[in-house]
Amino acid sequence: LAEGVGKDIGKAAEQTGKEMWDGITNGPFKVTVDKTTCTIESMSCTLQTAARKDADLLFAATFENEKDDDVTIEFTNIRAVDTEGNSYECTIAPKANVELISGIAVKATITVKNVPQNVRNFALVRMGTEKQGKAEWRTVSF
């Protein structure tokens, strides 16, 4: 990482999250998840709440490094599939490589694009790569 990158990532993520959540049209909703899998070494990941912003669905997530050393992860390859098998385009903020400091939770916002109003369940929300590991949530309801 370039010098200084990640220094204020918690603050930047919080600001990005606040901007993303301005103007929500419905919610927030409580999120329930039947199974969470995180294969990114010594990482915990949680989906906390969801809300609708026009046609999009936003999930508030947190990622925490449980290792003694800091680690850099890249939020990539994000996908969501509803219980009917429909796949949706997704984005995440912050987008860049994120330095996770040991023991400090970092907020992120996952945006699932163009989700019909009647969709209230996802079979899968996943991100990551084979090399880096994955954060995966199955049977997500909101």
C-alpha atoms as a PDB file:
ATOM      1  CA  LEU A   1       0.000   0.000   0.000  1.00  0.00           C
ATOM      2  CA  ALA A   2       1.066   3.554  -0.629  1.00  0.00           C
ATOM      3  CA  GLU A   3       2.137   5.435   2.477  1.00  0.00           C
ATOM      4  CA  GLY A   4      -0.859   6.778   4.382  1.00  0.00           C
ATOM      5  CA  VAL A   5      -3.425   4.614   2.593  1.00  0.00           C
ATOM      6  CA  GLY A   6      -5.706   2.989   5.138  1.00  0.00           C
ATOM      7  CA  LYS A   7      -4.671   5.385   7.878  1.00  0.00           C
ATOM      8  CA  ASP A   8      -8.148   6.843   8.258  1.00  0.00           C
ATOM      9  CA  ILE A   9     -10.057   4.020   6.574  1.00  0.00           C
ATOM     10  CA  GLY A  10     -12.589   3.668   9.396  1.00  0.00           C
ATOM     11  CA  LYS A  11     -13.522   7.344   9.127  1.00  0.00           C
ATOM     12  CA  ALA A  12     -13.584   7.222   5.312  1.00  0.00           C
ATOM     13  CA  ALA A  13     -15.752   4.102   5.305  1.00  0.00           C
ATOM     14  CA  GLU A  14     -18.161   5.675   7.784  1.00  0.00           C
ATOM     15  CA  GLN A  15     -18.460   8.829   5.654  1.00  0.00           C
ATOM     16  CA  THR A  16     -18.930   6.781   2.478  1.00  0.00           C
ATOM     17  CA  GLY A  17     -21.564   4.715   4.250  1.00  0.00           C
ATOM     18  CA  LYS A  18     -23.447   7.801   5.434  1.00  0.00           C
ATOM     19  CA  GLU A  19     -23.527   9.218   1.897  1.00  0.00           C
ATOM     20  CA  MET A  20     -24.754   5.897   0.525  1.00  0.00           C
ATOM     21  CA  TRP A  21     -27.541   5.724   3.131  1.00  0.00           C
ATOM     22  CA  ASP A  22     -28.817   9.286   2.627  1.00  0.00           C
ATOM     23  CA  GLY A  23     -32.236   9.246   0.989  1.00  0.00           C
ATOM     24  CA  ILE A  24     -33.256   5.677   1.790  1.00  0.00           C
ATOM     25  CA  THR A  25     -36.813   5.077   0.634  1.00  0.00           C
ATOM     26  CA  ASN A  26     -37.713   2.110   2.844  1.00  0.00           C
ATOM     27  CA  GLY A  27     -36.129   0.627   5.954  1.00  0.00           C
ATOM     28  CA  PRO A  28     -33.879  -0.035   7.719  1.00  0.00           C
ATOM     29  CA  PHE A  29     -34.794  -3.702   8.029  1.00  0.00           C
ATOM     30  CA  LYS A  30     -33.408  -6.279  10.421  1.00  0.00           C
ATOM     31  CA  VAL A  31     -31.283  -8.838   8.555  1.00  0.00           C
ATOM     32  CA  THR A  32     -31.228 -12.522   9.470  1.00  0.00           C
ATOM     33  CA  VAL A  33     -28.625 -14.901   8.066  1.00  0.00           C
ATOM     34  CA  ASP A  34     -28.786 -18.688   8.397  1.00  0.00           C
ATOM     35  CA  LYS A  35     -25.095 -19.283   7.665  1.00  0.00           C
ATOM     36  CA  THR A  36     -22.043 -16.998   7.560  1.00  0.00           C
ATOM     37  CA  THR A  37     -18.747 -18.286   6.167  1.00  0.00           C
ATOM     38  CA  CYS A  38     -15.574 -16.221   6.102  1.00  0.00           C
ATOM     39  CA  THR A  39     -12.517 -17.964   4.656  1.00  0.00           C
ATOM     40  CA  ILE A  40     -10.414 -14.801   4.773  1.00  0.00           C
ATOM     41  CA  GLU A  41      -7.879 -15.763   7.424  1.00  0.00           C
ATOM     42  CA  SER A  42      -8.788 -14.570  10.942  1.00  0.00           C
ATOM     43  CA  MET A  43     -11.593 -12.338   9.709  1.00  0.00           C
ATOM     44  CA  SER A  44     -15.129 -11.956  10.986  1.00  0.00           C
ATOM     45  CA  CYS A  45     -17.848 -10.503   8.770  1.00  0.00           C
ATOM     46  CA  THR A  46     -21.391  -9.484   9.645  1.00  0.00           C
ATOM     47  CA  LEU A  47     -24.415  -8.240   7.711  1.00  0.00           C
ATOM     48  CA  GLN A  48     -26.237  -5.898  10.058  1.00  0.00           C
ATOM     49  CA  THR A  49     -29.138  -4.090   8.411  1.00  0.00           C
ATOM     50  CA  ALA A  50     -30.692  -3.548   4.995  1.00  0.00           C
ATOM     51  CA  ALA A  51     -32.610  -0.687   3.427  1.00  0.00           C
ATOM     52  CA  ARG A  52     -34.042   0.219   0.050  1.00  0.00           C
ATOM     53  CA  LYS A  53     -32.841   3.253  -1.850  1.00  0.00           C
ATOM     54  CA  ASP A  54     -35.057   3.591  -4.917  1.00  0.00           C
ATOM     55  CA  ALA A  55     -34.593   0.336  -6.891  1.00  0.00           C
ATOM     56  CA  ASP A  56     -31.442  -0.703  -5.013  1.00  0.00           C
ATOM     57  CA  LEU A  57     -30.982  -2.645  -1.793  1.00  0.00           C
ATOM     58  CA  LEU A  58     -28.221  -1.623   0.624  1.00  0.00           C
ATOM     59  CA  PHE A  59     -26.667  -3.913   3.218  1.00  0.00           C
ATOM     60  CA  ALA A  60     -24.596  -2.517   6.096  1.00  0.00           C
ATOM     61  CA  ALA A  61     -21.699  -4.877   6.774  1.00  0.00           C
ATOM     62  CA  THR A  62     -18.728  -4.927   9.118  1.00  0.00           C
ATOM     63  CA  PHE A  63     -15.392  -6.674   8.711  1.00  0.00           C
ATOM     64  CA  GLU A  64     -13.007  -7.229  11.605  1.00  0.00           C
ATOM     65  CA  ASN A  65      -9.448  -8.496  11.534  1.00  0.00           C
ATOM     66  CA  GLU A  66      -8.945 -10.920  14.421  1.00  0.00           C
ATOM     67  CA  LYS A  67      -5.221 -11.469  13.715  1.00  0.00           C
ATOM     68  CA  ASP A  68      -2.465  -9.791  15.683  1.00  0.00           C
ATOM     69  CA  ASP A  69      -1.071  -8.259  12.473  1.00  0.00           C
ATOM     70  CA  ASP A  70      -2.788  -5.776  10.178  1.00  0.00           C
ATOM     71  CA  VAL A  71      -4.090  -7.222   6.902  1.00  0.00           C
ATOM     72  CA  THR A  72      -5.116  -5.695   3.573  1.00  0.00           C
ATOM     73  CA  ILE A  73      -8.141  -7.077   1.757  1.00  0.00           C
ATOM     74  CA  GLU A  74      -9.720  -6.149  -1.535  1.00  0.00           C
ATOM     75  CA  PHE A  75     -13.491  -6.077  -1.774  1.00  0.00           C
ATOM     76  CA  THR A  76     -14.050  -7.782  -5.164  1.00  0.00           C
ATOM     77  CA  ASN A  77     -16.256 -10.238  -7.027  1.00  0.00           C
ATOM     78  CA  ILE A  78     -19.449  -9.327  -5.211  1.00  0.00           C
ATOM     79  CA  ARG A  79     -22.602 -11.179  -6.151  1.00  0.00           C
ATOM     80  CA  ALA A  80     -26.096 -11.699  -4.838  1.00  0.00           C
ATOM     81  CA  VAL A  81     -28.590 -14.360  -5.891  1.00  0.00           C
ATOM     82  CA  ASP A  82     -32.194 -14.323  -4.689  1.00  0.00           C
ATOM     83  CA  THR A  83     -34.128 -17.448  -3.730  1.00  0.00           C
ATOM     84  CA  GLU A  84     -35.683 -17.555  -7.222  1.00  0.00           C
ATOM     85  CA  GLY A  85     -32.218 -17.843  -8.808  1.00  0.00           C
ATOM     86  CA  ASN A  86     -31.981 -14.267 -10.123  1.00  0.00           C
ATOM     87  CA  SER A  87     -28.476 -12.800 -10.003  1.00  0.00           C
ATOM     88  CA  TYR A  88     -27.894  -9.074  -9.330  1.00  0.00           C
ATOM     89  CA  GLU A  89     -25.126  -6.599 -10.040  1.00  0.00           C
ATOM     90  CA  CYS A  90     -23.457  -5.470  -6.808  1.00  0.00           C
ATOM     91  CA  THR A  91     -21.017  -2.803  -5.671  1.00  0.00           C
ATOM     92  CA  ILE A  92     -19.332  -2.089  -2.361  1.00  0.00           C
ATOM     93  CA  ALA A  93     -17.973   1.009  -0.657  1.00  0.00           C
ATOM     94  CA  PRO A  94     -15.151   1.406   0.160  1.00  0.00           C
ATOM     95  CA  LYS A  95     -13.970  -0.051  -3.170  1.00  0.00           C
ATOM     96  CA  ALA A  96     -10.185   0.024  -2.878  1.00  0.00           C
ATOM     97  CA  ASN A  97      -7.827  -2.210  -0.960  1.00  0.00           C
ATOM     98  CA  VAL A  98      -8.680  -1.779   2.703  1.00  0.00           C
ATOM     99  CA  GLU A  99      -6.179  -2.104   5.508  1.00  0.00           C
ATOM    100  CA  LEU A 100      -7.826  -3.789   8.453  1.00  0.00           C
ATOM    101  CA  ILE A 101      -6.107  -3.006  11.707  1.00  0.00           C
ATOM    102  CA  SER A 102      -6.136  -5.776  14.273  1.00  0.00           C
ATOM    103  CA  GLY A 103      -9.260  -5.681  16.443  1.00  0.00           C
ATOM    104  CA  ILE A 104     -10.910  -2.720  14.667  1.00  0.00           C
ATOM    105  CA  ALA A 105     -14.192  -3.266  12.802  1.00  0.00           C
ATOM    106  CA  VAL A 106     -14.538  -1.493   9.443  1.00  0.00           C
ATOM    107  CA  LYS A 107     -17.939  -0.616   8.000  1.00  0.00           C
ATOM    108  CA  ALA A 108     -18.851  -1.265   4.380  1.00  0.00           C
ATOM    109  CA  THR A 109     -22.006  -0.828   2.321  1.00  0.00           C
ATOM    110  CA  ILE A 110     -22.950  -3.520  -0.196  1.00  0.00           C
ATOM    111  CA  THR A 111     -25.346  -2.211  -2.851  1.00  0.00           C
ATOM    112  CA  VAL A 112     -27.430  -4.743  -4.777  1.00  0.00           C
ATOM    113  CA  LYS A 113     -28.704  -3.078  -7.945  1.00  0.00           C
ATOM    114  CA  ASN A 114     -32.283  -3.141  -9.288  1.00  0.00           C
ATOM    115  CA  VAL A 115     -33.909  -5.485  -6.782  1.00  0.00           C
ATOM    116  CA  PRO A 116     -37.689  -5.856  -7.286  1.00  0.00           C
ATOM    117  CA  GLN A 117     -39.749  -4.663  -4.302  1.00  0.00           C
ATOM    118  CA  ASN A 118     -41.181  -8.152  -3.728  1.00  0.00           C
ATOM    119  CA  VAL A 119     -37.732  -9.728  -3.182  1.00  0.00           C
ATOM    120  CA  ARG A 120     -37.181 -10.181   0.578  1.00  0.00           C
ATOM    121  CA  ASN A 121     -34.727 -13.111   0.569  1.00  0.00           C
ATOM    122  CA  PHE A 122     -31.377 -13.941  -0.968  1.00  0.00           C
ATOM    123  CA  ALA A 123     -29.979 -17.441  -1.243  1.00  0.00           C
ATOM    124  CA  LEU A 124     -26.449 -16.000  -1.374  1.00  0.00           C
ATOM    125  CA  VAL A 125     -24.490 -12.782  -0.898  1.00  0.00           C
ATOM    126  CA  ARG A 126     -20.759 -13.343  -1.515  1.00  0.00           C
ATOM    127  CA  MET A 127     -17.533 -11.449  -2.136  1.00  0.00           C
ATOM    128  CA  GLY A 128     -13.834 -12.235  -2.475  1.00  0.00           C
ATOM    129  CA  THR A 129     -11.538 -14.499  -4.478  1.00  0.00           C
ATOM    130  CA  GLU A 130     -10.026 -17.963  -4.113  1.00  0.00           C
ATOM    131  CA  LYS A 131      -6.597 -16.420  -3.449  1.00  0.00           C
ATOM    132  CA  GLN A 132      -7.799 -13.943  -0.830  1.00  0.00           C
ATOM    133  CA  GLY A 133     -10.700 -15.928   0.600  1.00  0.00           C
ATOM    134  CA  LYS A 134     -14.418 -15.263   0.695  1.00  0.00           C
ATOM    135  CA  ALA A 135     -17.042 -13.702   2.872  1.00  0.00           C
ATOM    136  CA  GLU A 136     -20.334 -15.449   2.241  1.00  0.00           C
ATOM    137  CA  TRP A 137     -23.817 -15.163   3.693  1.00  0.00           C
ATOM    138  CA  ARG A 138     -26.489 -17.781   2.873  1.00  0.00           C
ATOM    139  CA  THR A 139     -30.252 -17.557   3.300  1.00  0.00           C
ATOM    140  CA  VAL A 140     -30.377 -13.818   3.937  1.00  0.00           C
ATOM    141  CA  SER A 141     -33.779 -12.378   4.863  1.00  0.00           C
ATOM    142  CA  PHE A 142     -34.743  -8.779   5.527  1.00  0.00           C
END
